Amino acid sequence: MCMKLAFSTLGVPGMSLPDVARLAAAYGYDGVELRAHPEEPVHPGLSPAGRAAAALAFADAGVAVLAAAGYARVAAPGPDGPVLKELEDLVRLAADLGAPYVRVFPGGGDLPAAEADEVAARRLATVAPLAADTGVRVLLETHDSHRRAQDAVRILGPVGHGSVGAVWDVLHTWRGGEEPAASFPALAPHLGYVQVKDVASAEETAPLPLGSGVLPLGACVGTLTRAGWDGWLCWEYEKRWHPQAADFQQLAGPGAEYLRGLLAAAPHGR
């Protein structure tokens, strides 16, 4: 069993895609999660030529495009049409990039939980056939209105489609009071990849170097390895939201070594 390592372009705002690819290759990352937003080089409005160039930049470096990390909010109040259009555009973007995943948020806001669950499940079920046809999985992140695994599976269970799954953001499940040993079994049937990071506390969420904060990263990796899970660990270093944080380029190498150390030390087998 060998988990693969990636990082998010949230950590390197303003860096060109070829430079991102070279950075990943230099420190042995297997892939990169691309933030899919109009202020980034990759977004749903990107031309076919731009998509091809982006895919080529990573292929030339031997680095996979893990996901198009979009901002669609599948449980958001309002009509389905605009949300479905955003989902469809993200799926097609990921397919053009050769990425296996699209990341989306719940975004239920003030909707009653049952209504938010139903709205999100309906929209994800609607886009699932397109995702299947294009070889892409749409992954709901444990975030905002559905930050715990037990919240996310209230949506994913009713969808019941292999092309719809979950991103496990360890920060949000932990802030919701879930330990990794509880989060993983709930998410396991749906899990696409895992986002790791580190912070000083539940209130102080500026990014820190991996291993220097309070998140239960060792417990997370241990839970995954004992279960025989061999997917992706993606370091989401949120430099874009915290410009005062240390530059990711200085941390990329030590971060990869830290994750490899956790993987080497974790017990294997059930």
C-alpha atoms as a PDB file:
ATOM      1  CA  MET A   1       0.000   0.000   0.000  1.00  0.00           C
ATOM      2  CA  CYS A   2       1.355   3.417  -0.945  1.00  0.00           C
ATOM      3  CA  MET A   3      -0.556   6.653  -0.505  1.00  0.00           C
ATOM      4  CA  LYS A   4       0.200   9.422  -2.967  1.00  0.00           C
ATOM      5  CA  LEU A   5       1.051  13.005  -1.999  1.00  0.00           C
ATOM      6  CA  ALA A   6      -0.270  16.244  -3.477  1.00  0.00           C
ATOM      7  CA  PHE A   7      -0.546  19.903  -2.550  1.00  0.00           C
ATOM      8  CA  SER A   8      -3.083  22.600  -3.341  1.00  0.00           C
ATOM      9  CA  THR A   9      -2.345  25.724  -5.345  1.00  0.00           C
ATOM     10  CA  LEU A  10      -3.961  27.677  -2.492  1.00  0.00           C
ATOM     11  CA  GLY A  11      -0.448  27.609  -1.076  1.00  0.00           C
ATOM     12  CA  VAL A  12       1.235  29.241  -4.060  1.00  0.00           C
ATOM     13  CA  PRO A  13      -0.944  32.167  -5.195  1.00  0.00           C
ATOM     14  CA  GLY A  14       0.396  33.868  -8.285  1.00  0.00           C
ATOM     15  CA  MET A  15       2.753  31.057  -9.296  1.00  0.00           C
ATOM     16  CA  SER A  16       2.621  29.947 -12.924  1.00  0.00           C
ATOM     17  CA  LEU A  17       1.459  26.433 -13.700  1.00  0.00           C
ATOM     18  CA  PRO A  18       4.845  25.292 -15.072  1.00  0.00           C
ATOM     19  CA  ASP A  19       6.495  26.554 -11.878  1.00  0.00           C
ATOM     20  CA  VAL A  20       3.890  24.754  -9.751  1.00  0.00           C
ATOM     21  CA  ALA A  21       4.554  21.555 -11.667  1.00  0.00           C
ATOM     22  CA  ARG A  22       8.312  21.932 -11.240  1.00  0.00           C
ATOM     23  CA  LEU A  23       7.912  22.591  -7.516  1.00  0.00           C
ATOM     24  CA  ALA A  24       5.835  19.438  -7.107  1.00  0.00           C
ATOM     25  CA  ALA A  25       8.316  17.342  -9.063  1.00  0.00           C
ATOM     26  CA  ALA A  26      11.300  18.735  -7.166  1.00  0.00           C
ATOM     27  CA  TYR A  27       9.997  17.497  -3.820  1.00  0.00           C
ATOM     28  CA  GLY A  28       8.463  14.241  -4.965  1.00  0.00           C
ATOM     29  CA  TYR A  29       4.774  15.162  -4.870  1.00  0.00           C
ATOM     30  CA  ASP A  30       2.717  12.912  -7.094  1.00  0.00           C
ATOM     31  CA  GLY A  31       0.032  15.460  -7.907  1.00  0.00           C
ATOM     32  CA  VAL A  32      -1.419  18.940  -7.477  1.00  0.00           C
ATOM     33  CA  GLU A  33      -4.931  20.074  -6.575  1.00  0.00           C
ATOM     34  CA  LEU A  34      -5.713  23.083  -8.780  1.00  0.00           C
ATOM     35  CA  ARG A  35      -7.854  25.830  -7.299  1.00  0.00           C
ATOM     36  CA  ALA A  36     -10.476  26.421 -10.015  1.00  0.00           C
ATOM     37  CA  HIS A  37     -11.387  30.083  -9.640  1.00  0.00           C
ATOM     38  CA  PRO A  38     -11.386  33.038 -12.078  1.00  0.00           C
ATOM     39  CA  GLU A  39      -8.455  34.652 -10.239  1.00  0.00           C
ATOM     40  CA  GLU A  40      -6.343  31.537 -10.908  1.00  0.00           C
ATOM     41  CA  PRO A  41      -4.705  30.267 -14.126  1.00  0.00           C
ATOM     42  CA  VAL A  42      -7.237  27.402 -14.260  1.00  0.00           C
ATOM     43  CA  HIS A  43     -10.981  28.025 -14.070  1.00  0.00           C
ATOM     44  CA  PRO A  44     -14.169  26.959 -15.897  1.00  0.00           C
ATOM     45  CA  GLY A  45     -13.877  29.886 -18.326  1.00  0.00           C
ATOM     46  CA  LEU A  46     -10.455  28.754 -19.558  1.00  0.00           C
ATOM     47  CA  SER A  47     -10.231  28.210 -23.321  1.00  0.00           C
ATOM     48  CA  PRO A  48      -9.637  24.772 -24.848  1.00  0.00           C
ATOM     49  CA  ALA A  49      -6.101  25.843 -25.729  1.00  0.00           C
ATOM     50  CA  GLY A  50      -5.512  26.999 -22.161  1.00  0.00           C
ATOM     51  CA  ARG A  51      -6.783  23.699 -20.790  1.00  0.00           C
ATOM     52  CA  ALA A  52      -4.507  21.755 -23.087  1.00  0.00           C
ATOM     53  CA  ALA A  53      -1.515  23.886 -22.092  1.00  0.00           C
ATOM     54  CA  ALA A  54      -2.273  23.401 -18.400  1.00  0.00           C
ATOM     55  CA  ALA A  55      -2.543  19.640 -18.785  1.00  0.00           C
ATOM     56  CA  LEU A  56       0.707  19.564 -20.766  1.00  0.00           C
ATOM     57  CA  ALA A  57       2.604  21.552 -18.116  1.00  0.00           C
ATOM     58  CA  PHE A  58       1.906  18.864 -15.541  1.00  0.00           C
ATOM     59  CA  ALA A  59       2.349  15.943 -17.914  1.00  0.00           C
ATOM     60  CA  ASP A  60       5.787  17.254 -18.908  1.00  0.00           C
ATOM     61  CA  ALA A  61       6.785  17.344 -15.230  1.00  0.00           C
ATOM     62  CA  GLY A  62       5.416  13.868 -14.531  1.00  0.00           C
ATOM     63  CA  VAL A  63       2.933  15.298 -12.031  1.00  0.00           C
ATOM     64  CA  ALA A  64      -0.775  14.413 -11.980  1.00  0.00           C
ATOM     65  CA  VAL A  65      -3.592  16.947 -11.805  1.00  0.00           C
ATOM     66  CA  LEU A  66      -5.475  15.583  -8.813  1.00  0.00           C
ATOM     67  CA  ALA A  67      -8.570  17.769  -8.860  1.00  0.00           C
ATOM     68  CA  ALA A  68     -10.261  20.921 -10.024  1.00  0.00           C
ATOM     69  CA  ALA A  69     -11.075  22.444  -6.642  1.00  0.00           C
ATOM     70  CA  GLY A  70     -14.247  24.365  -7.387  1.00  0.00           C
ATOM     71  CA  TYR A  71     -16.511  26.571  -5.325  1.00  0.00           C
ATOM     72  CA  ALA A  72     -19.945  25.288  -6.251  1.00  0.00           C
ATOM     73  CA  ARG A  73     -22.172  25.103  -3.157  1.00  0.00           C
ATOM     74  CA  VAL A  74     -24.470  22.200  -3.740  1.00  0.00           C
ATOM     75  CA  ALA A  75     -26.813  22.853  -0.799  1.00  0.00           C
ATOM     76  CA  ALA A  76     -27.082  26.601  -1.361  1.00  0.00           C
ATOM     77  CA  PRO A  77     -30.558  28.164  -1.244  1.00  0.00           C
ATOM     78  CA  GLY A  78     -32.059  29.144  -4.576  1.00  0.00           C
ATOM     79  CA  PRO A  79     -32.841  27.534  -7.928  1.00  0.00           C
ATOM     80  CA  ASP A  80     -30.978  24.476  -9.112  1.00  0.00           C
ATOM     81  CA  GLY A  81     -30.103  25.815 -12.569  1.00  0.00           C
ATOM     82  CA  PRO A  82     -27.086  28.022 -11.774  1.00  0.00           C
ATOM     83  CA  VAL A  83     -25.617  25.430  -9.396  1.00  0.00           C
ATOM     84  CA  LEU A  84     -26.037  22.628 -11.928  1.00  0.00           C
ATOM     85  CA  LYS A  85     -24.390  24.762 -14.610  1.00  0.00           C
ATOM     86  CA  GLU A  86     -21.439  25.404 -12.294  1.00  0.00           C
ATOM     87  CA  LEU A  87     -21.151  21.689 -11.522  1.00  0.00           C
ATOM     88  CA  GLU A  88     -21.290  20.717 -15.182  1.00  0.00           C
ATOM     89  CA  ASP A  89     -18.636  23.296 -16.079  1.00  0.00           C
ATOM     90  CA  LEU A  90     -16.332  22.005 -13.347  1.00  0.00           C
ATOM     91  CA  VAL A  91     -16.776  18.404 -14.447  1.00  0.00           C
ATOM     92  CA  ARG A  92     -15.879  19.273 -18.023  1.00  0.00           C
ATOM     93  CA  LEU A  93     -12.877  21.313 -16.853  1.00  0.00           C
ATOM     94  CA  ALA A  94     -11.576  18.393 -14.809  1.00  0.00           C
ATOM     95  CA  ALA A  95     -12.057  16.022 -17.727  1.00  0.00           C
ATOM     96  CA  ASP A  96     -10.104  18.334 -20.048  1.00  0.00           C
ATOM     97  CA  LEU A  97      -7.280  18.556 -17.492  1.00  0.00           C
ATOM     98  CA  GLY A  98      -7.170  14.790 -17.022  1.00  0.00           C
ATOM     99  CA  ALA A  99      -8.118  15.225 -13.365  1.00  0.00           C
ATOM    100  CA  PRO A 100     -10.089  12.425 -11.714  1.00  0.00           C
ATOM    101  CA  TYR A 101     -11.868  14.686  -9.223  1.00  0.00           C
ATOM    102  CA  VAL A 102     -13.873  17.872  -8.771  1.00  0.00           C
ATOM    103  CA  ARG A 103     -14.105  19.389  -5.284  1.00  0.00           C
ATOM    104  CA  VAL A 104     -17.350  21.134  -4.229  1.00  0.00           C
ATOM    105  CA  PHE A 105     -18.709  22.581  -0.980  1.00  0.00           C
ATOM    106  CA  PRO A 106     -22.012  22.000   0.836  1.00  0.00           C
ATOM    107  CA  GLY A 107     -22.873  25.676   1.496  1.00  0.00           C
ATOM    108  CA  GLY A 108     -26.223  25.007   3.115  1.00  0.00           C
ATOM    109  CA  GLY A 109     -26.142  28.263   5.050  1.00  0.00           C
ATOM    110  CA  ASP A 110     -29.250  28.806   7.152  1.00  0.00           C
ATOM    111  CA  LEU A 111     -31.367  26.154   5.452  1.00  0.00           C
ATOM    112  CA  PRO A 112     -32.818  23.553   7.803  1.00  0.00           C
ATOM    113  CA  ALA A 113     -30.545  20.514   7.774  1.00  0.00           C
ATOM    114  CA  ALA A 114     -33.078  18.172   6.171  1.00  0.00           C
ATOM    115  CA  GLU A 115     -33.806  20.644   3.376  1.00  0.00           C
ATOM    116  CA  ALA A 116     -30.105  21.298   2.735  1.00  0.00           C
ATOM    117  CA  ASP A 117     -29.472  17.558   2.587  1.00  0.00           C
ATOM    118  CA  GLU A 118     -32.256  17.018   0.068  1.00  0.00           C
ATOM    119  CA  VAL A 119     -31.239  19.929  -2.156  1.00  0.00           C
ATOM    120  CA  ALA A 120     -27.594  18.846  -2.234  1.00  0.00           C
ATOM    121  CA  ALA A 121     -28.415  15.199  -2.899  1.00  0.00           C
ATOM    122  CA  ARG A 122     -30.742  16.142  -5.756  1.00  0.00           C
ATOM    123  CA  ARG A 123     -28.162  18.341  -7.459  1.00  0.00           C
ATOM    124  CA  LEU A 124     -25.327  15.844  -7.048  1.00  0.00           C
ATOM    125  CA  ALA A 125     -27.502  13.028  -8.378  1.00  0.00           C
ATOM    126  CA  THR A 126     -28.358  15.182 -11.399  1.00  0.00           C
ATOM    127  CA  VAL A 127     -24.718  15.781 -12.335  1.00  0.00           C
ATOM    128  CA  ALA A 128     -23.609  12.213 -11.577  1.00  0.00           C
ATOM    129  CA  PRO A 129     -24.327  10.795 -15.083  1.00  0.00           C
ATOM    130  CA  LEU A 130     -22.205  13.495 -16.737  1.00  0.00           C
ATOM    131  CA  ALA A 131     -19.417  12.809 -14.239  1.00  0.00           C
ATOM    132  CA  ALA A 132     -19.617   9.098 -15.021  1.00  0.00           C
ATOM    133  CA  ASP A 133     -19.540   9.730 -18.767  1.00  0.00           C
ATOM    134  CA  THR A 134     -16.419  11.889 -18.473  1.00  0.00           C
ATOM    135  CA  GLY A 135     -14.573   9.697 -15.953  1.00  0.00           C
ATOM    136  CA  VAL A 136     -14.689  12.312 -13.186  1.00  0.00           C
ATOM    137  CA  ARG A 137     -15.900  12.002  -9.583  1.00  0.00           C
ATOM    138  CA  VAL A 138     -17.576  14.970  -7.899  1.00  0.00           C
ATOM    139  CA  LEU A 139     -16.417  15.106  -4.285  1.00  0.00           C
ATOM    140  CA  LEU A 140     -18.254  16.918  -1.499  1.00  0.00           C
ATOM    141  CA  GLU A 141     -15.813  18.393   1.004  1.00  0.00           C
ATOM    142  CA  THR A 142     -16.461  18.138   4.737  1.00  0.00           C
ATOM    143  CA  HIS A 143     -16.906  21.884   5.159  1.00  0.00           C
ATOM    144  CA  ASP A 144     -19.163  24.690   6.429  1.00  0.00           C
ATOM    145  CA  SER A 145     -22.769  23.441   6.915  1.00  0.00           C
ATOM    146  CA  HIS A 146     -21.666  19.778   6.664  1.00  0.00           C
ATOM    147  CA  ARG A 147     -18.229  19.776   8.219  1.00  0.00           C
ATOM    148  CA  ARG A 148     -18.412  16.410   9.952  1.00  0.00           C
ATOM    149  CA  ALA A 149     -18.368  13.060   8.197  1.00  0.00           C
ATOM    150  CA  GLN A 150     -21.716  12.228   9.737  1.00  0.00           C
ATOM    151  CA  ASP A 151     -23.141  15.384   8.133  1.00  0.00           C
ATOM    152  CA  ALA A 152     -21.686  14.719   4.676  1.00  0.00           C
ATOM    153  CA  VAL A 153     -22.968  11.153   4.493  1.00  0.00           C
ATOM    154  CA  ARG A 154     -26.537  12.368   5.009  1.00  0.00           C
ATOM    155  CA  ILE A 155     -26.122  13.770   1.494  1.00  0.00           C
ATOM    156  CA  LEU A 156     -23.918  11.121  -0.075  1.00  0.00           C
ATOM    157  CA  GLY A 157     -25.912   8.117   1.095  1.00  0.00           C
ATOM    158  CA  PRO A 158     -29.109   9.129  -0.712  1.00  0.00           C
ATOM    159  CA  VAL A 159     -27.165   9.991  -3.891  1.00  0.00           C
ATOM    160  CA  GLY A 160     -25.791   6.466  -4.001  1.00  0.00           C
ATOM    161  CA  HIS A 161     -23.720   6.946  -7.155  1.00  0.00           C
ATOM    162  CA  GLY A 162     -20.098   5.940  -7.657  1.00  0.00           C
ATOM    163  CA  SER A 163     -19.273   9.185  -9.436  1.00  0.00           C
ATOM    164  CA  VAL A 164     -20.179  11.247  -6.357  1.00  0.00           C
ATOM    165  CA  GLY A 165     -18.038  11.022  -3.241  1.00  0.00           C
ATOM    166  CA  ALA A 166     -16.232  12.944  -0.514  1.00  0.00           C
ATOM    167  CA  VAL A 167     -13.123  14.947   0.266  1.00  0.00           C
ATOM    168  CA  TRP A 168     -12.173  14.521   3.909  1.00  0.00           C
ATOM    169  CA  ASP A 169     -10.835  17.852   5.197  1.00  0.00           C
ATOM    170  CA  VAL A 170      -9.287  16.833   8.503  1.00  0.00           C
ATOM    171  CA  LEU A 171      -9.468  20.358   9.934  1.00  0.00           C
ATOM    172  CA  HIS A 172     -13.230  20.638   9.589  1.00  0.00           C
ATOM    173  CA  THR A 173     -14.128  17.210  10.940  1.00  0.00           C
ATOM    174  CA  TRP A 174     -11.813  17.885  13.893  1.00  0.00           C
ATOM    175  CA  ARG A 175     -13.366  21.306  14.525  1.00  0.00           C
ATOM    176  CA  GLY A 176     -16.744  19.556  14.431  1.00  0.00           C
ATOM    177  CA  GLY A 177     -15.699  17.293  17.292  1.00  0.00           C
ATOM    178  CA  GLU A 178     -15.005  14.135  15.259  1.00  0.00           C
ATOM    179  CA  GLU A 179     -11.885  12.073  15.768  1.00  0.00           C
ATOM    180  CA  PRO A 180     -10.308  10.428  12.702  1.00  0.00           C
ATOM    181  CA  ALA A 181     -11.350   7.005  13.961  1.00  0.00           C
ATOM    182  CA  ALA A 182     -14.976   8.150  13.664  1.00  0.00           C
ATOM    183  CA  SER A 183     -14.664  10.199  10.467  1.00  0.00           C
ATOM    184  CA  PHE A 184     -13.006   7.585   8.305  1.00  0.00           C
ATOM    185  CA  PRO A 185     -15.475   4.690   8.648  1.00  0.00           C
ATOM    186  CA  ALA A 186     -18.348   7.009   7.740  1.00  0.00           C
ATOM    187  CA  LEU A 187     -16.545   8.442   4.720  1.00  0.00           C
ATOM    188  CA  ALA A 188     -14.730   5.302   3.556  1.00  0.00           C
ATOM    189  CA  PRO A 189     -17.386   4.132   1.047  1.00  0.00           C
ATOM    190  CA  HIS A 190     -17.308   7.564  -0.578  1.00  0.00           C
ATOM    191  CA  LEU A 191     -13.746   8.761  -0.074  1.00  0.00           C
ATOM    192  CA  GLY A 192     -11.856  10.303  -2.978  1.00  0.00           C
ATOM    193  CA  TYR A 193      -8.943  11.965  -1.194  1.00  0.00           C
ATOM    194  CA  VAL A 194      -7.925  13.523   2.129  1.00  0.00           C
ATOM    195  CA  GLN A 195      -6.924  17.140   2.723  1.00  0.00           C
ATOM    196  CA  VAL A 196      -4.348  17.623   5.484  1.00  0.00           C
ATOM    197  CA  LYS A 197      -3.077  20.832   7.052  1.00  0.00           C
ATOM    198  CA  ASP A 198      -2.038  22.147  10.456  1.00  0.00           C
ATOM    199  CA  VAL A 199      -3.172  25.051  12.653  1.00  0.00           C
ATOM    200  CA  ALA A 200      -2.493  26.447  16.126  1.00  0.00           C
ATOM    201  CA  SER A 201      -6.018  25.895  17.496  1.00  0.00           C
ATOM    202  CA  ALA A 202      -9.655  25.640  16.498  1.00  0.00           C
ATOM    203  CA  GLU A 203      -9.837  29.442  16.564  1.00  0.00           C
ATOM    204  CA  GLU A 204      -6.394  30.226  15.097  1.00  0.00           C
ATOM    205  CA  THR A 205      -6.533  28.646  11.664  1.00  0.00           C
ATOM    206  CA  ALA A 206      -3.676  30.402   9.868  1.00  0.00           C
ATOM    207  CA  PRO A 207      -1.616  27.676   8.163  1.00  0.00           C
ATOM    208  CA  LEU A 208       1.375  26.208   9.958  1.00  0.00           C
ATOM    209  CA  PRO A 209       4.056  23.778   8.816  1.00  0.00           C
ATOM    210  CA  LEU A 210       2.781  20.214   9.041  1.00  0.00           C
ATOM    211  CA  GLY A 211       3.426  18.732  12.461  1.00  0.00           C
ATOM    212  CA  SER A 212       3.803  22.044  14.264  1.00  0.00           C
ATOM    213  CA  GLY A 213       0.125  22.499  15.169  1.00  0.00           C
ATOM    214  CA  VAL A 214      -2.647  20.627  16.905  1.00  0.00           C
ATOM    215  CA  LEU A 215      -4.410  18.629  14.199  1.00  0.00           C
ATOM    216  CA  PRO A 216      -4.415  14.832  14.697  1.00  0.00           C
ATOM    217  CA  LEU A 217      -2.465  14.088  11.520  1.00  0.00           C
ATOM    218  CA  GLY A 218      -0.762  11.025  12.943  1.00  0.00           C
ATOM    219  CA  ALA A 219      -4.090   9.589  14.024  1.00  0.00           C
ATOM    220  CA  CYS A 220      -5.538  10.339  10.594  1.00  0.00           C
ATOM    221  CA  VAL A 221      -2.742   8.610   8.698  1.00  0.00           C
ATOM    222  CA  GLY A 222      -2.757   5.737  11.168  1.00  0.00           C
ATOM    223  CA  THR A 223      -6.477   5.232  10.666  1.00  0.00           C
ATOM    224  CA  LEU A 224      -6.035   5.235   6.891  1.00  0.00           C
ATOM    225  CA  THR A 225      -3.109   2.816   6.857  1.00  0.00           C
ATOM    226  CA  ARG A 226      -4.736   0.353   9.235  1.00  0.00           C
ATOM    227  CA  ALA A 227      -7.719   0.253   6.883  1.00  0.00           C
ATOM    228  CA  GLY A 228      -5.473  -0.389   3.880  1.00  0.00           C
ATOM    229  CA  TRP A 229      -6.515   2.833   2.168  1.00  0.00           C
ATOM    230  CA  ASP A 230      -4.125   3.795  -0.636  1.00  0.00           C
ATOM    231  CA  GLY A 231      -5.496   7.085  -1.981  1.00  0.00           C
ATOM    232  CA  TRP A 232      -4.236  10.662  -1.926  1.00  0.00           C
ATOM    233  CA  LEU A 233      -3.110  12.952   0.878  1.00  0.00           C
ATOM    234  CA  CYS A 234      -3.330  16.568  -0.301  1.00  0.00           C
ATOM    235  CA  TRP A 235      -1.707  19.344   1.738  1.00  0.00           C
ATOM    236  CA  GLU A 236      -3.986  22.372   1.633  1.00  0.00           C
ATOM    237  CA  TYR A 237      -1.769  25.227   2.844  1.00  0.00           C
ATOM    238  CA  GLU A 238      -4.063  28.247   2.788  1.00  0.00           C
ATOM    239  CA  LYS A 239      -1.514  30.935   2.008  1.00  0.00           C
ATOM    240  CA  ARG A 240      -3.983  32.818  -0.205  1.00  0.00           C
ATOM    241  CA  TRP A 241      -6.215  33.577   2.792  1.00  0.00           C
ATOM    242  CA  HIS A 242      -3.258  34.249   5.130  1.00  0.00           C
ATOM    243  CA  PRO A 243      -0.616  36.246   3.224  1.00  0.00           C
ATOM    244  CA  GLN A 244       1.438  36.663   6.395  1.00  0.00           C
ATOM    245  CA  ALA A 245       2.042  32.913   6.580  1.00  0.00           C
ATOM    246  CA  ALA A 246       5.438  31.503   5.615  1.00  0.00           C
ATOM    247  CA  ASP A 247       5.990  30.871   1.917  1.00  0.00           C
ATOM    248  CA  PHE A 248       4.935  27.401   0.887  1.00  0.00           C
ATOM    249  CA  GLN A 249       8.007  26.983  -1.316  1.00  0.00           C
ATOM    250  CA  GLN A 250      10.151  26.914   1.845  1.00  0.00           C
ATOM    251  CA  LEU A 251       7.901  24.311   3.459  1.00  0.00           C
ATOM    252  CA  ALA A 252       7.134  22.013   0.531  1.00  0.00           C
ATOM    253  CA  GLY A 253      10.146  19.748   1.029  1.00  0.00           C
ATOM    254  CA  PRO A 254       9.921  19.373   4.817  1.00  0.00           C
ATOM    255  CA  GLY A 255       6.148  18.887   4.512  1.00  0.00           C
ATOM    256  CA  ALA A 256       6.551  16.021   2.079  1.00  0.00           C
ATOM    257  CA  GLU A 257       9.144  14.423   4.346  1.00  0.00           C
ATOM    258  CA  TYR A 258       6.841  14.819   7.346  1.00  0.00           C
ATOM    259  CA  LEU A 259       4.008  13.034   5.543  1.00  0.00           C
ATOM    260  CA  ARG A 260       6.334  10.282   4.364  1.00  0.00           C
ATOM    261  CA  GLY A 261       7.498   9.883   7.948  1.00  0.00           C
ATOM    262  CA  LEU A 262       3.926   9.481   9.155  1.00  0.00           C
ATOM    263  CA  LEU A 263       3.294   6.892   6.466  1.00  0.00           C
ATOM    264  CA  ALA A 264       6.447   4.972   7.347  1.00  0.00           C
ATOM    265  CA  ALA A 265       5.651   4.969  11.059  1.00  0.00           C
ATOM    266  CA  ALA A 266       1.953   4.147  10.812  1.00  0.00           C
ATOM    267  CA  PRO A 267       0.840   0.604  11.679  1.00  0.00           C
ATOM    268  CA  HIS A 268      -0.497  -1.385   8.736  1.00  0.00           C
ATOM    269  CA  GLY A 269      -3.254  -3.959   8.679  1.00  0.00           C
ATOM    270  CA  ARG A 270      -6.496  -4.178  10.544  1.00  0.00           C
END
